[in-house]
């Protein structure tokens, strides 16, 4: 568990002390909610709340990038700096990460999910989402100048090739994100336990991605091979329904259903229909509207 707060426009965090770890810890279901929780990050307060719940992403303070070697964030070091970056007035040591990096990558996750959902449904794509995709390419082009020409190329692809060009542009951007994702291999002994004691028989290989990589893997999998993605008709949130909604009806995410939004909208619609029928009867009877 970590302690996180917003200071001087950055996210300051540290590992929690023993006396600060009392209370329930995040359950196993937290991992399944990781992408959804990250895509919901849209303000400094929500970014800090995400770090407190799921842990830091390891974004360098200067560039807002994971595994940024010039800043000391080494891929093989779990995306963390070698030592805490700053000391508080009382001597407490903190790691410092870029708030802008959290907000940008969360915005990119939302944009990629919305674009994929709209492409699958054949609905209109929002220009601001493509601006976020282009910004990712531009940021990577600043790091790798060879990518510079692709900024204009992706725009022409979307204009000239329609939905096919948009899919290709999205694939290119997701591959750039994938280059930032990494997983550190680890190994544990494969052992047999019997009445004769412990016997090691080999090695088990494990791949343990850091938090940023886990989000990237989930995002790419959701866009490429995940279930159908839909936009809630009420709140506009992205969600994956248990079964495909009727395209001729409104569809709602689990949160809106839990709040009774479908029932409220049905009651409102019924009231509007009754009001419209009453107005028609009055008009047919020659009674002026009040």
C-alpha atoms as a PDB file:
ATOM      1  CA  UNK A   1       0.000   0.000   0.000  1.00  0.00           C
ATOM      2  CA  UNK A   2       1.134   3.554  -0.677  1.00  0.00           C
ATOM      3  CA  UNK A   3       0.394   7.011   0.664  1.00  0.00           C
ATOM      4  CA  UNK A   4      -0.128   9.592  -2.094  1.00  0.00           C
ATOM      5  CA  UNK A   5      -0.934  13.289  -2.255  1.00  0.00           C
ATOM      6  CA  UNK A   6      -0.809  16.212  -4.646  1.00  0.00           C
ATOM      7  CA  UNK A   7       2.040  18.683  -4.113  1.00  0.00           C
ATOM      8  CA  UNK A   8       3.387  21.423  -6.359  1.00  0.00           C
ATOM      9  CA  UNK A   9       1.488  20.069  -9.371  1.00  0.00           C
ATOM     10  CA  UNK A  10       2.972  16.567  -9.071  1.00  0.00           C
ATOM     11  CA  UNK A  11       1.984  13.314  -7.395  1.00  0.00           C
ATOM     12  CA  UNK A  12       4.078  12.606  -4.302  1.00  0.00           C
ATOM     13  CA  UNK A  13       3.878   9.081  -2.921  1.00  0.00           C
ATOM     14  CA  UNK A  14       5.669   6.769  -0.532  1.00  0.00           C
ATOM     15  CA  UNK A  15       5.257   3.258   0.775  1.00  0.00           C
ATOM     16  CA  UNK A  16       2.891   3.146   3.734  1.00  0.00           C
ATOM     17  CA  UNK A  17       4.267   2.477   7.179  1.00  0.00           C
ATOM     18  CA  UNK A  18       3.031  -0.471   9.213  1.00  0.00           C
ATOM     19  CA  UNK A  19       0.729   1.687  11.327  1.00  0.00           C
ATOM     20  CA  UNK A  20      -0.832   3.142   8.146  1.00  0.00           C
ATOM     21  CA  UNK A  21      -1.778  -0.195   6.602  1.00  0.00           C
ATOM     22  CA  UNK A  22      -4.602  -1.032   8.990  1.00  0.00           C
ATOM     23  CA  UNK A  23      -7.997  -1.648   7.473  1.00  0.00           C
ATOM     24  CA  UNK A  24      -9.142  -3.606   4.417  1.00  0.00           C
ATOM     25  CA  UNK A  25      -6.752  -3.978   1.528  1.00  0.00           C
ATOM     26  CA  UNK A  26      -7.872  -3.950  -2.128  1.00  0.00           C
ATOM     27  CA  UNK A  27      -9.443  -7.306  -2.994  1.00  0.00           C
ATOM     28  CA  UNK A  28      -8.711  -9.589  -5.908  1.00  0.00           C
ATOM     29  CA  UNK A  29     -11.428  -7.918  -7.950  1.00  0.00           C
ATOM     30  CA  UNK A  30      -9.411  -4.676  -8.011  1.00  0.00           C
ATOM     31  CA  UNK A  31      -7.238  -6.010 -10.828  1.00  0.00           C
ATOM     32  CA  UNK A  32     -10.265  -6.575 -13.035  1.00  0.00           C
ATOM     33  CA  UNK A  33     -11.318  -2.984 -12.464  1.00  0.00           C
ATOM     34  CA  UNK A  34      -7.895  -1.520 -13.194  1.00  0.00           C
ATOM     35  CA  UNK A  35      -8.521  -0.318 -16.760  1.00  0.00           C
ATOM     36  CA  UNK A  36     -11.960   1.049 -15.966  1.00  0.00           C
ATOM     37  CA  UNK A  37     -10.656   2.897 -12.907  1.00  0.00           C
ATOM     38  CA  UNK A  38      -7.737   4.360 -14.847  1.00  0.00           C
ATOM     39  CA  UNK A  39      -9.932   5.475 -17.752  1.00  0.00           C
ATOM     40  CA  UNK A  40     -12.036   7.365 -15.205  1.00  0.00           C
ATOM     41  CA  UNK A  41      -9.062   9.494 -14.093  1.00  0.00           C
ATOM     42  CA  UNK A  42      -9.832  13.020 -15.278  1.00  0.00           C
ATOM     43  CA  UNK A  43      -8.685  15.367 -12.497  1.00  0.00           C
ATOM     44  CA  UNK A  44      -5.770  15.727 -10.084  1.00  0.00           C
ATOM     45  CA  UNK A  45      -7.900  14.407  -7.221  1.00  0.00           C
ATOM     46  CA  UNK A  46      -8.958  11.297  -9.164  1.00  0.00           C
ATOM     47  CA  UNK A  47      -5.332  10.654 -10.185  1.00  0.00           C
ATOM     48  CA  UNK A  48      -4.228  10.713  -6.546  1.00  0.00           C
ATOM     49  CA  UNK A  49      -7.136   8.447  -5.586  1.00  0.00           C
ATOM     50  CA  UNK A  50      -6.068   5.988  -8.296  1.00  0.00           C
ATOM     51  CA  UNK A  51      -2.514   5.854  -6.935  1.00  0.00           C
ATOM     52  CA  UNK A  52      -3.790   5.274  -3.403  1.00  0.00           C
ATOM     53  CA  UNK A  53      -5.991   2.409  -4.567  1.00  0.00           C
ATOM     54  CA  UNK A  54      -3.918   0.678  -7.245  1.00  0.00           C
ATOM     55  CA  UNK A  55      -0.401   2.004  -6.734  1.00  0.00           C
ATOM     56  CA  UNK A  56       1.812   4.252  -8.882  1.00  0.00           C
ATOM     57  CA  UNK A  57       2.432   3.832 -12.606  1.00  0.00           C
ATOM     58  CA  UNK A  58       6.090   4.841 -12.452  1.00  0.00           C
ATOM     59  CA  UNK A  59       5.877   7.956 -14.674  1.00  0.00           C
ATOM     60  CA  UNK A  60       8.990  10.108 -14.564  1.00  0.00           C
ATOM     61  CA  UNK A  61       8.636  13.574 -13.106  1.00  0.00           C
ATOM     62  CA  UNK A  62      10.024  15.477 -16.093  1.00  0.00           C
ATOM     63  CA  UNK A  63       8.497  13.717 -19.115  1.00  0.00           C
ATOM     64  CA  UNK A  64       5.570  11.813 -17.647  1.00  0.00           C
ATOM     65  CA  UNK A  65       6.798   8.570 -19.237  1.00  0.00           C
ATOM     66  CA  UNK A  66       7.295   5.066 -17.845  1.00  0.00           C
ATOM     67  CA  UNK A  67      10.735   3.507 -17.980  1.00  0.00           C
ATOM     68  CA  UNK A  68      12.381   6.827 -18.780  1.00  0.00           C
ATOM     69  CA  UNK A  69      16.084   6.001 -18.582  1.00  0.00           C
ATOM     70  CA  UNK A  70      17.354   9.632 -18.684  1.00  0.00           C
ATOM     71  CA  UNK A  71      15.256  10.326 -15.581  1.00  0.00           C
ATOM     72  CA  UNK A  72      16.415   7.207 -13.765  1.00  0.00           C
ATOM     73  CA  UNK A  73      13.263   5.175 -14.254  1.00  0.00           C
ATOM     74  CA  UNK A  74      14.739   1.894 -15.459  1.00  0.00           C
ATOM     75  CA  UNK A  75      12.545  -0.817 -16.987  1.00  0.00           C
ATOM     76  CA  UNK A  76      14.286  -3.509 -14.934  1.00  0.00           C
ATOM     77  CA  UNK A  77      13.714  -1.603 -11.707  1.00  0.00           C
ATOM     78  CA  UNK A  78       9.958  -2.004 -11.740  1.00  0.00           C
ATOM     79  CA  UNK A  79       9.474   1.458 -13.246  1.00  0.00           C
ATOM     80  CA  UNK A  80      10.574   3.096  -9.995  1.00  0.00           C
ATOM     81  CA  UNK A  81      13.508   5.431  -9.444  1.00  0.00           C
ATOM     82  CA  UNK A  82      16.537   4.015  -7.673  1.00  0.00           C
ATOM     83  CA  UNK A  83      15.862   6.117  -4.585  1.00  0.00           C
ATOM     84  CA  UNK A  84      13.148   8.517  -3.378  1.00  0.00           C
ATOM     85  CA  UNK A  85      13.392  11.826  -5.175  1.00  0.00           C
ATOM     86  CA  UNK A  86      12.695  14.304  -2.372  1.00  0.00           C
ATOM     87  CA  UNK A  87      12.527  14.639   1.405  1.00  0.00           C
ATOM     88  CA  UNK A  88       9.719  16.286   3.294  1.00  0.00           C
ATOM     89  CA  UNK A  89      10.364  18.895   5.976  1.00  0.00           C
ATOM     90  CA  UNK A  90      10.269  16.164   8.616  1.00  0.00           C
ATOM     91  CA  UNK A  91      12.659  13.953   6.646  1.00  0.00           C
ATOM     92  CA  UNK A  92      10.034  11.664   5.101  1.00  0.00           C
ATOM     93  CA  UNK A  93      11.134  10.465   1.676  1.00  0.00           C
ATOM     94  CA  UNK A  94       8.804  10.603  -1.313  1.00  0.00           C
ATOM     95  CA  UNK A  95       8.824   9.478  -4.923  1.00  0.00           C
ATOM     96  CA  UNK A  96       7.544  12.152  -7.323  1.00  0.00           C
ATOM     97  CA  UNK A  97       5.659  11.450 -10.533  1.00  0.00           C
ATOM     98  CA  UNK A  98       4.173  13.624 -13.257  1.00  0.00           C
ATOM     99  CA  UNK A  99       0.494  14.467 -12.789  1.00  0.00           C
ATOM    100  CA  UNK A 100       0.307  15.456 -16.466  1.00  0.00           C
ATOM    101  CA  UNK A 101       1.414  11.959 -17.435  1.00  0.00           C
ATOM    102  CA  UNK A 102      -1.422  10.362 -15.480  1.00  0.00           C
ATOM    103  CA  UNK A 103      -4.029  12.700 -16.939  1.00  0.00           C
ATOM    104  CA  UNK A 104      -2.743  12.299 -20.498  1.00  0.00           C
ATOM    105  CA  UNK A 105      -2.534   8.506 -20.564  1.00  0.00           C
ATOM    106  CA  UNK A 106      -5.969   8.244 -18.911  1.00  0.00           C
ATOM    107  CA  UNK A 107      -7.338  10.573 -21.581  1.00  0.00           C
ATOM    108  CA  UNK A 108      -5.720   8.409 -24.255  1.00  0.00           C
ATOM    109  CA  UNK A 109      -7.290   5.274 -22.758  1.00  0.00           C
ATOM    110  CA  UNK A 110     -10.735   6.898 -22.893  1.00  0.00           C
ATOM    111  CA  UNK A 111     -10.161   8.100 -26.450  1.00  0.00           C
ATOM    112  CA  UNK A 112      -8.985   4.691 -27.694  1.00  0.00           C
ATOM    113  CA  UNK A 113     -11.921   2.883 -26.083  1.00  0.00           C
ATOM    114  CA  UNK A 114     -14.456   5.372 -27.441  1.00  0.00           C
ATOM    115  CA  UNK A 115     -12.998   5.293 -30.951  1.00  0.00           C
ATOM    116  CA  UNK A 116     -13.009   1.489 -30.974  1.00  0.00           C
ATOM    117  CA  UNK A 117     -16.599   1.373 -29.692  1.00  0.00           C
ATOM    118  CA  UNK A 118     -17.756   3.872 -32.295  1.00  0.00           C
ATOM    119  CA  UNK A 119     -15.907   2.146 -35.137  1.00  0.00           C
ATOM    120  CA  UNK A 120     -17.487  -1.185 -34.220  1.00  0.00           C
ATOM    121  CA  UNK A 121     -20.952   0.380 -34.157  1.00  0.00           C
ATOM    122  CA  UNK A 122     -20.405   2.546 -37.215  1.00  0.00           C
ATOM    123  CA  UNK A 123     -21.225   5.747 -35.322  1.00  0.00           C
ATOM    124  CA  UNK A 124     -19.513   9.103 -35.633  1.00  0.00           C
ATOM    125  CA  UNK A 125     -16.127   9.555 -33.967  1.00  0.00           C
ATOM    126  CA  UNK A 126     -15.405  12.610 -31.825  1.00  0.00           C
ATOM    127  CA  UNK A 127     -12.633  14.899 -33.199  1.00  0.00           C
ATOM    128  CA  UNK A 128     -11.227  15.504 -29.705  1.00  0.00           C
ATOM    129  CA  UNK A 129     -10.545  11.783 -29.332  1.00  0.00           C
ATOM    130  CA  UNK A 130      -8.438  11.779 -32.484  1.00  0.00           C
ATOM    131  CA  UNK A 131      -6.637  14.873 -31.212  1.00  0.00           C
ATOM    132  CA  UNK A 132      -5.590  12.830 -28.165  1.00  0.00           C
ATOM    133  CA  UNK A 133      -4.389   9.976 -30.391  1.00  0.00           C
ATOM    134  CA  UNK A 134      -2.396  12.446 -32.480  1.00  0.00           C
ATOM    135  CA  UNK A 135      -0.912  13.921 -29.306  1.00  0.00           C
ATOM    136  CA  UNK A 136       0.445  10.508 -28.327  1.00  0.00           C
ATOM    137  CA  UNK A 137       2.124  10.195 -31.727  1.00  0.00           C
ATOM    138  CA  UNK A 138       3.516  13.724 -31.414  1.00  0.00           C
ATOM    139  CA  UNK A 139       4.918  13.022 -27.944  1.00  0.00           C
ATOM    140  CA  UNK A 140       6.609   9.887 -29.195  1.00  0.00           C
ATOM    141  CA  UNK A 141       7.878  11.760 -32.254  1.00  0.00           C
ATOM    142  CA  UNK A 142       9.631  14.239 -29.969  1.00  0.00           C
ATOM    143  CA  UNK A 143      11.474  11.306 -28.433  1.00  0.00           C
ATOM    144  CA  UNK A 144      12.026   9.471 -31.745  1.00  0.00           C
ATOM    145  CA  UNK A 145      12.270  12.011 -34.618  1.00  0.00           C
ATOM    146  CA  UNK A 146      11.838   9.217 -37.172  1.00  0.00           C
ATOM    147  CA  UNK A 147       8.163   9.121 -36.177  1.00  0.00           C
ATOM    148  CA  UNK A 148       7.639  12.785 -37.111  1.00  0.00           C
ATOM    149  CA  UNK A 149       6.227  12.205 -40.623  1.00  0.00           C
ATOM    150  CA  UNK A 150       3.638   9.838 -39.217  1.00  0.00           C
ATOM    151  CA  UNK A 151       1.702  12.662 -37.548  1.00  0.00           C
ATOM    152  CA  UNK A 152       0.536  14.036 -40.906  1.00  0.00           C
ATOM    153  CA  UNK A 153       0.343  10.575 -42.488  1.00  0.00           C
ATOM    154  CA  UNK A 154      -2.154   9.328 -39.918  1.00  0.00           C
ATOM    155  CA  UNK A 155      -4.376  12.317 -40.593  1.00  0.00           C
ATOM    156  CA  UNK A 156      -4.351  11.632 -44.334  1.00  0.00           C
ATOM    157  CA  UNK A 157      -5.121   7.963 -43.726  1.00  0.00           C
ATOM    158  CA  UNK A 158      -8.202   8.843 -41.717  1.00  0.00           C
ATOM    159  CA  UNK A 159      -9.347  11.324 -44.371  1.00  0.00           C
ATOM    160  CA  UNK A 160      -8.728   9.188 -47.454  1.00  0.00           C
ATOM    161  CA  UNK A 161      -9.421   5.668 -46.237  1.00  0.00           C
ATOM    162  CA  UNK A 162     -12.459   6.241 -44.034  1.00  0.00           C
ATOM    163  CA  UNK A 163     -13.035   3.719 -41.251  1.00  0.00           C
ATOM    164  CA  UNK A 164     -10.201   1.511 -42.561  1.00  0.00           C
ATOM    165  CA  UNK A 165      -7.789   4.404 -42.178  1.00  0.00           C
ATOM    166  CA  UNK A 166      -9.102   5.094 -38.698  1.00  0.00           C
ATOM    167  CA  UNK A 167      -8.532   1.487 -37.661  1.00  0.00           C
ATOM    168  CA  UNK A 168      -4.979   1.649 -39.024  1.00  0.00           C
ATOM    169  CA  UNK A 169      -4.295   4.922 -37.208  1.00  0.00           C
ATOM    170  CA  UNK A 170      -5.610   3.452 -33.965  1.00  0.00           C
ATOM    171  CA  UNK A 171      -3.459   0.344 -34.427  1.00  0.00           C
ATOM    172  CA  UNK A 172      -0.378   2.522 -34.934  1.00  0.00           C
ATOM    173  CA  UNK A 173      -1.064   4.519 -31.765  1.00  0.00           C
ATOM    174  CA  UNK A 174      -1.715   1.389 -29.698  1.00  0.00           C
ATOM    175  CA  UNK A 175       1.567  -0.098 -30.922  1.00  0.00           C
ATOM    176  CA  UNK A 176       3.348   3.033 -29.723  1.00  0.00           C
ATOM    177  CA  UNK A 177       1.726   2.524 -26.343  1.00  0.00           C
ATOM    178  CA  UNK A 178       2.772  -1.138 -26.392  1.00  0.00           C
ATOM    179  CA  UNK A 179       6.392  -0.056 -26.804  1.00  0.00           C
ATOM    180  CA  UNK A 180       6.053   1.655 -23.399  1.00  0.00           C
ATOM    181  CA  UNK A 181       4.643  -1.480 -21.801  1.00  0.00           C
ATOM    182  CA  UNK A 182       6.998  -4.066 -20.467  1.00  0.00           C
ATOM    183  CA  UNK A 183       6.930  -7.128 -18.271  1.00  0.00           C
ATOM    184  CA  UNK A 184       9.828  -8.323 -16.175  1.00  0.00           C
ATOM    185  CA  UNK A 185      10.320 -12.109 -16.263  1.00  0.00           C
ATOM    186  CA  UNK A 186      10.784 -13.872 -12.957  1.00  0.00           C
ATOM    187  CA  UNK A 187      11.342 -17.484 -12.000  1.00  0.00           C
ATOM    188  CA  UNK A 188      10.385 -19.612  -9.031  1.00  0.00           C
ATOM    189  CA  UNK A 189      11.314 -23.199  -8.218  1.00  0.00           C
ATOM    190  CA  UNK A 190       8.956 -25.935  -9.342  1.00  0.00           C
ATOM    191  CA  UNK A 191       8.708 -28.211  -6.316  1.00  0.00           C
ATOM    192  CA  UNK A 192       6.996 -31.384  -5.195  1.00  0.00           C
ATOM    193  CA  UNK A 193       5.984 -31.908  -1.591  1.00  0.00           C
ATOM    194  CA  UNK A 194       5.715 -35.438  -0.217  1.00  0.00           C
ATOM    195  CA  UNK A 195       6.351 -37.389   2.963  1.00  0.00           C
ATOM    196  CA  UNK A 196       9.998 -37.436   1.999  1.00  0.00           C
ATOM    197  CA  UNK A 197      10.144 -33.635   2.089  1.00  0.00           C
ATOM    198  CA  UNK A 198      10.652 -30.951  -0.541  1.00  0.00           C
ATOM    199  CA  UNK A 199      12.091 -31.860  -3.923  1.00  0.00           C
ATOM    200  CA  UNK A 200      12.841 -29.176  -6.520  1.00  0.00           C
ATOM    201  CA  UNK A 201      12.161 -30.475 -10.018  1.00  0.00           C
ATOM    202  CA  UNK A 202      12.582 -27.423 -12.221  1.00  0.00           C
ATOM    203  CA  UNK A 203      11.814 -23.757 -12.740  1.00  0.00           C
ATOM    204  CA  UNK A 204       8.518 -21.951 -13.263  1.00  0.00           C
ATOM    205  CA  UNK A 205       8.659 -18.844 -15.418  1.00  0.00           C
ATOM    206  CA  UNK A 206       6.423 -15.922 -14.603  1.00  0.00           C
ATOM    207  CA  UNK A 207       5.781 -12.588 -16.282  1.00  0.00           C
ATOM    208  CA  UNK A 208       4.806  -9.828 -13.883  1.00  0.00           C
ATOM    209  CA  UNK A 209       3.918  -6.532 -15.577  1.00  0.00           C
ATOM    210  CA  UNK A 210       4.026  -3.272 -13.686  1.00  0.00           C
ATOM    211  CA  UNK A 211       0.854  -1.222 -13.274  1.00  0.00           C
ATOM    212  CA  UNK A 212       1.363   0.839 -16.445  1.00  0.00           C
ATOM    213  CA  UNK A 213       1.989  -2.277 -18.517  1.00  0.00           C
ATOM    214  CA  UNK A 214      -1.025  -4.041 -17.017  1.00  0.00           C
ATOM    215  CA  UNK A 215      -3.226  -1.124 -18.069  1.00  0.00           C
ATOM    216  CA  UNK A 216      -1.682  -1.102 -21.545  1.00  0.00           C
ATOM    217  CA  UNK A 217      -2.187  -4.852 -21.957  1.00  0.00           C
ATOM    218  CA  UNK A 218      -5.813  -4.617 -20.838  1.00  0.00           C
ATOM    219  CA  UNK A 219      -6.491  -1.638 -23.096  1.00  0.00           C
ATOM    220  CA  UNK A 220      -5.028  -3.294 -26.187  1.00  0.00           C
ATOM    221  CA  UNK A 221      -6.764  -6.584 -25.441  1.00  0.00           C
ATOM    222  CA  UNK A 222     -10.098  -4.838 -24.913  1.00  0.00           C
ATOM    223  CA  UNK A 223      -9.820  -2.961 -28.197  1.00  0.00           C
ATOM    224  CA  UNK A 224      -8.436  -5.866 -30.221  1.00  0.00           C
ATOM    225  CA  UNK A 225      -9.970  -9.016 -28.803  1.00  0.00           C
ATOM    226  CA  UNK A 226     -12.233  -8.035 -25.958  1.00  0.00           C
ATOM    227  CA  UNK A 227     -15.987  -8.187 -25.916  1.00  0.00           C
ATOM    228  CA  UNK A 228     -18.080  -5.565 -27.628  1.00  0.00           C
ATOM    229  CA  UNK A 229     -17.640  -2.110 -26.083  1.00  0.00           C
ATOM    230  CA  UNK A 230     -20.662   0.163 -25.659  1.00  0.00           C
ATOM    231  CA  UNK A 231     -21.367   3.686 -24.516  1.00  0.00           C
ATOM    232  CA  UNK A 232     -23.975   4.096 -21.791  1.00  0.00           C
ATOM    233  CA  UNK A 233     -26.965   5.991 -23.191  1.00  0.00           C
ATOM    234  CA  UNK A 234     -27.283   8.021 -19.998  1.00  0.00           C
ATOM    235  CA  UNK A 235     -23.850   8.808 -18.560  1.00  0.00           C
ATOM    236  CA  UNK A 236     -21.737   8.075 -21.657  1.00  0.00           C
ATOM    237  CA  UNK A 237     -19.399   5.708 -19.784  1.00  0.00           C
ATOM    238  CA  UNK A 238     -17.713   2.847 -21.613  1.00  0.00           C
ATOM    239  CA  UNK A 239     -18.725  -0.631 -20.493  1.00  0.00           C
ATOM    240  CA  UNK A 240     -18.887  -4.256 -21.644  1.00  0.00           C
ATOM    241  CA  UNK A 241     -22.415  -5.705 -21.287  1.00  0.00           C
ATOM    242  CA  UNK A 242     -23.146  -9.315 -20.390  1.00  0.00           C
ATOM    243  CA  UNK A 243     -25.165  -9.611 -23.600  1.00  0.00           C
ATOM    244  CA  UNK A 244     -25.414  -7.474 -26.698  1.00  0.00           C
ATOM    245  CA  UNK A 245     -27.971  -4.648 -26.275  1.00  0.00           C
ATOM    246  CA  UNK A 246     -30.776  -4.060 -28.743  1.00  0.00           C
ATOM    247  CA  UNK A 247     -29.443  -1.445 -31.202  1.00  0.00           C
ATOM    248  CA  UNK A 248     -32.905   0.166 -31.375  1.00  0.00           C
ATOM    249  CA  UNK A 249     -33.101   0.740 -27.619  1.00  0.00           C
ATOM    250  CA  UNK A 250     -31.159   2.621 -25.011  1.00  0.00           C
ATOM    251  CA  UNK A 251     -28.487   0.696 -23.133  1.00  0.00           C
ATOM    252  CA  UNK A 252     -27.143   1.383 -19.654  1.00  0.00           C
ATOM    253  CA  UNK A 253     -23.994   0.568 -17.703  1.00  0.00           C
ATOM    254  CA  UNK A 254     -24.130  -1.311 -14.398  1.00  0.00           C
ATOM    255  CA  UNK A 255     -23.749   1.860 -12.317  1.00  0.00           C
ATOM    256  CA  UNK A 256     -26.716   3.563 -13.988  1.00  0.00           C
ATOM    257  CA  UNK A 257     -28.817   0.414 -13.591  1.00  0.00           C
ATOM    258  CA  UNK A 258     -27.931   0.257  -9.901  1.00  0.00           C
ATOM    259  CA  UNK A 259     -29.122   3.866  -9.513  1.00  0.00           C
ATOM    260  CA  UNK A 260     -32.431   3.067 -11.208  1.00  0.00           C
ATOM    261  CA  UNK A 261     -31.801   5.287 -14.236  1.00  0.00           C
ATOM    262  CA  UNK A 262     -33.692   3.031 -16.739  1.00  0.00           C
ATOM    263  CA  UNK A 263     -36.824   3.088 -14.559  1.00  0.00           C
ATOM    264  CA  UNK A 264     -36.620   6.850 -14.105  1.00  0.00           C
ATOM    265  CA  UNK A 265     -36.288   7.414 -17.835  1.00  0.00           C
ATOM    266  CA  UNK A 266     -39.187   5.045 -18.581  1.00  0.00           C
ATOM    267  CA  UNK A 267     -41.378   6.953 -16.091  1.00  0.00           C
ATOM    268  CA  UNK A 268     -40.340  10.251 -17.674  1.00  0.00           C
ATOM    269  CA  UNK A 269     -41.083   8.965 -21.165  1.00  0.00           C
ATOM    270  CA  UNK A 270     -44.494   7.651 -20.048  1.00  0.00           C
ATOM    271  CA  UNK A 271     -45.324  11.033 -18.544  1.00  0.00           C
ATOM    272  CA  UNK A 272     -44.300  12.796 -21.754  1.00  0.00           C
ATOM    273  CA  UNK A 273     -46.447  10.462 -23.872  1.00  0.00           C
ATOM    274  CA  UNK A 274     -49.466  10.979 -21.629  1.00  0.00           C
ATOM    275  CA  UNK A 275     -48.938  14.712 -21.731  1.00  0.00           C
ATOM    276  CA  UNK A 276     -48.690  14.635 -25.525  1.00  0.00           C
ATOM    277  CA  UNK A 277     -51.893  12.544 -25.852  1.00  0.00           C
ATOM    278  CA  UNK A 278     -53.735  14.888 -23.501  1.00  0.00           C
ATOM    279  CA  UNK A 279     -52.633  17.870 -25.564  1.00  0.00           C
ATOM    280  CA  UNK A 280     -53.868  16.143 -28.749  1.00  0.00           C
ATOM    281  CA  UNK A 281     -57.293  15.468 -27.210  1.00  0.00           C
ATOM    282  CA  UNK A 282     -57.638  19.063 -26.076  1.00  0.00           C
ATOM    283  CA  UNK A 283     -56.600  20.316 -29.495  1.00  0.00           C
ATOM    284  CA  UNK A 284     -59.136  18.046 -31.217  1.00  0.00           C
ATOM    285  CA  UNK A 285     -61.868  19.320 -28.884  1.00  0.00           C
ATOM    286  CA  UNK A 286     -60.990  22.919 -29.678  1.00  0.00           C
ATOM    287  CA  UNK A 287     -59.782  23.706 -26.187  1.00  0.00           C
ATOM    288  CA  UNK A 288     -56.923  26.245 -26.271  1.00  0.00           C
ATOM    289  CA  UNK A 289     -53.642  25.301 -24.607  1.00  0.00           C
ATOM    290  CA  UNK A 290     -53.141  26.801 -21.126  1.00  0.00           C
END
